[in-house]
Amino acid sequence: MHAPSSTSLPRLSFGVGDRFAHQAAAQLAAFERLEGEGVVVAPVWNKSNREHGFVGSEPPSVRAAAAKGVEERG
């Protein structure tokens, strides 16, 4: 997947969140499919602190789930 440079972002972005930390691989697959069709979209994490409190997650656990999704997708 194409990563934007630190000085520029793609024209399009899409807010993502994995409330229960089980959909990271599926969300990544969707972005890969878009890129395969020539549409580069930057994922923007939008999980609020309120949501973290509601489901009992923390930013590090969500980051770990995202890393696992990347590993699953190879």
C-alpha atoms as a PDB file:
ATOM      1  CA  MET A   1       0.000   0.000   0.000  1.00  0.00           C
ATOM      2  CA  HIS A   2       1.294   3.427  -0.900  1.00  0.00           C
ATOM      3  CA  ALA A   3       2.188   5.535   2.120  1.00  0.00           C
ATOM      4  CA  PRO A   4       2.080   9.306   1.712  1.00  0.00           C
ATOM      5  CA  SER A   5       5.256  11.243   2.403  1.00  0.00           C
ATOM      6  CA  SER A   6       5.501  13.246   5.582  1.00  0.00           C
ATOM      7  CA  THR A   7       5.045  16.460   3.598  1.00  0.00           C
ATOM      8  CA  SER A   8       1.959  15.567   1.586  1.00  0.00           C
ATOM      9  CA  LEU A   9      -1.265  13.675   1.956  1.00  0.00           C
ATOM     10  CA  PRO A  10      -3.500  12.166  -0.698  1.00  0.00           C
ATOM     11  CA  ARG A  11      -6.364  14.346  -1.880  1.00  0.00           C
ATOM     12  CA  LEU A  12      -8.880  11.930  -0.331  1.00  0.00           C
ATOM     13  CA  SER A  13      -9.176  10.679   3.226  1.00  0.00           C
ATOM     14  CA  PHE A  14     -11.623   8.382   4.972  1.00  0.00           C
ATOM     15  CA  GLY A  15     -12.328   8.118   8.672  1.00  0.00           C
ATOM     16  CA  VAL A  16     -11.882   4.630  10.037  1.00  0.00           C
ATOM     17  CA  GLY A  17     -12.325   3.051  13.397  1.00  0.00           C
ATOM     18  CA  ASP A  18     -12.412  -0.491  14.633  1.00  0.00           C
ATOM     19  CA  ARG A  19     -14.591  -0.246  17.716  1.00  0.00           C
ATOM     20  CA  PHE A  20     -13.896  -3.785  18.933  1.00  0.00           C
ATOM     21  CA  ALA A  21     -10.444  -4.243  17.313  1.00  0.00           C
ATOM     22  CA  HIS A  22     -11.504  -7.095  15.010  1.00  0.00           C
ATOM     23  CA  GLN A  23     -11.752  -5.467  11.581  1.00  0.00           C
ATOM     24  CA  ALA A  24      -8.300  -4.014  10.904  1.00  0.00           C
ATOM     25  CA  ALA A  25      -7.450  -6.547   8.171  1.00  0.00           C
ATOM     26  CA  ALA A  26     -10.796  -5.999   6.429  1.00  0.00           C
ATOM     27  CA  GLN A  27     -10.397  -2.221   6.557  1.00  0.00           C
ATOM     28  CA  LEU A  28      -6.863  -2.476   5.159  1.00  0.00           C
ATOM     29  CA  ALA A  29      -8.122  -4.749   2.371  1.00  0.00           C
ATOM     30  CA  ALA A  30     -10.656  -2.079   1.401  1.00  0.00           C
ATOM     31  CA  PHE A  31      -7.911   0.557   1.116  1.00  0.00           C
ATOM     32  CA  GLU A  32      -5.760  -1.850  -0.902  1.00  0.00           C
ATOM     33  CA  ARG A  33      -8.678  -2.487  -3.255  1.00  0.00           C
ATOM     34  CA  LEU A  34      -9.209   1.240  -3.736  1.00  0.00           C
ATOM     35  CA  GLU A  35      -5.532   1.735  -4.503  1.00  0.00           C
ATOM     36  CA  GLY A  36      -5.666  -1.179  -6.943  1.00  0.00           C
ATOM     37  CA  GLU A  37      -8.383   0.737  -8.779  1.00  0.00           C
ATOM     38  CA  GLY A  38      -6.214   3.864  -8.861  1.00  0.00           C
ATOM     39  CA  VAL A  39      -7.845   5.682  -5.939  1.00  0.00           C
ATOM     40  CA  VAL A  40      -5.386   6.603  -3.184  1.00  0.00           C
ATOM     41  CA  VAL A  41      -7.165   7.363   0.073  1.00  0.00           C
ATOM     42  CA  ALA A  42      -5.506   8.153   3.401  1.00  0.00           C
ATOM     43  CA  PRO A  43      -7.061   6.332   6.364  1.00  0.00           C
ATOM     44  CA  VAL A  44      -7.725   8.725   9.246  1.00  0.00           C
ATOM     45  CA  TRP A  45      -8.268   7.184  12.649  1.00  0.00           C
ATOM     46  CA  ASN A  46     -11.352   8.638  14.272  1.00  0.00           C
ATOM     47  CA  LYS A  47     -11.944   6.623  17.428  1.00  0.00           C
ATOM     48  CA  SER A  48     -12.841   8.997  20.208  1.00  0.00           C
ATOM     49  CA  ASN A  49     -11.728   8.877  23.809  1.00  0.00           C
ATOM     50  CA  ARG A  50     -15.397   8.304  24.673  1.00  0.00           C
ATOM     51  CA  GLU A  51     -15.431   5.173  22.496  1.00  0.00           C
ATOM     52  CA  HIS A  52     -12.276   3.908  24.169  1.00  0.00           C
ATOM     53  CA  GLY A  53     -14.018   4.253  27.528  1.00  0.00           C
ATOM     54  CA  PHE A  54     -17.178   2.598  26.241  1.00  0.00           C
ATOM     55  CA  VAL A  55     -15.460  -0.554  24.938  1.00  0.00           C
ATOM     56  CA  GLY A  56     -12.529  -0.660  27.355  1.00  0.00           C
ATOM     57  CA  SER A  57      -9.767  -0.161  24.793  1.00  0.00           C
ATOM     58  CA  GLU A  58      -6.764   2.140  24.841  1.00  0.00           C
ATOM     59  CA  PRO A  59      -4.777   3.669  21.985  1.00  0.00           C
ATOM     60  CA  PRO A  60      -1.894   1.143  22.374  1.00  0.00           C
ATOM     61  CA  SER A  61      -4.280  -1.828  22.143  1.00  0.00           C
ATOM     62  CA  VAL A  62      -5.885  -0.376  19.017  1.00  0.00           C
ATOM     63  CA  ARG A  63      -2.427   0.216  17.520  1.00  0.00           C
ATOM     64  CA  ALA A  64      -1.567  -3.420  18.235  1.00  0.00           C
ATOM     65  CA  ALA A  65      -4.768  -4.552  16.509  1.00  0.00           C
ATOM     66  CA  ALA A  66      -3.893  -2.427  13.466  1.00  0.00           C
ATOM     67  CA  ALA A  67      -0.376  -3.915  13.362  1.00  0.00           C
ATOM     68  CA  LYS A  68      -1.901  -7.392  13.516  1.00  0.00           C
ATOM     69  CA  GLY A  69      -4.153  -6.509  10.571  1.00  0.00           C
ATOM     70  CA  VAL A  70      -1.140  -5.411   8.542  1.00  0.00           C
ATOM     71  CA  GLU A  71       0.642  -8.657   9.438  1.00  0.00           C
ATOM     72  CA  GLU A  72      -2.415 -10.708   8.417  1.00  0.00           C
ATOM     73  CA  ARG A  73      -2.552  -8.916   5.056  1.00  0.00           C
ATOM     74  CA  GLY A  74       1.169  -9.466   4.464  1.00  0.00           C
END
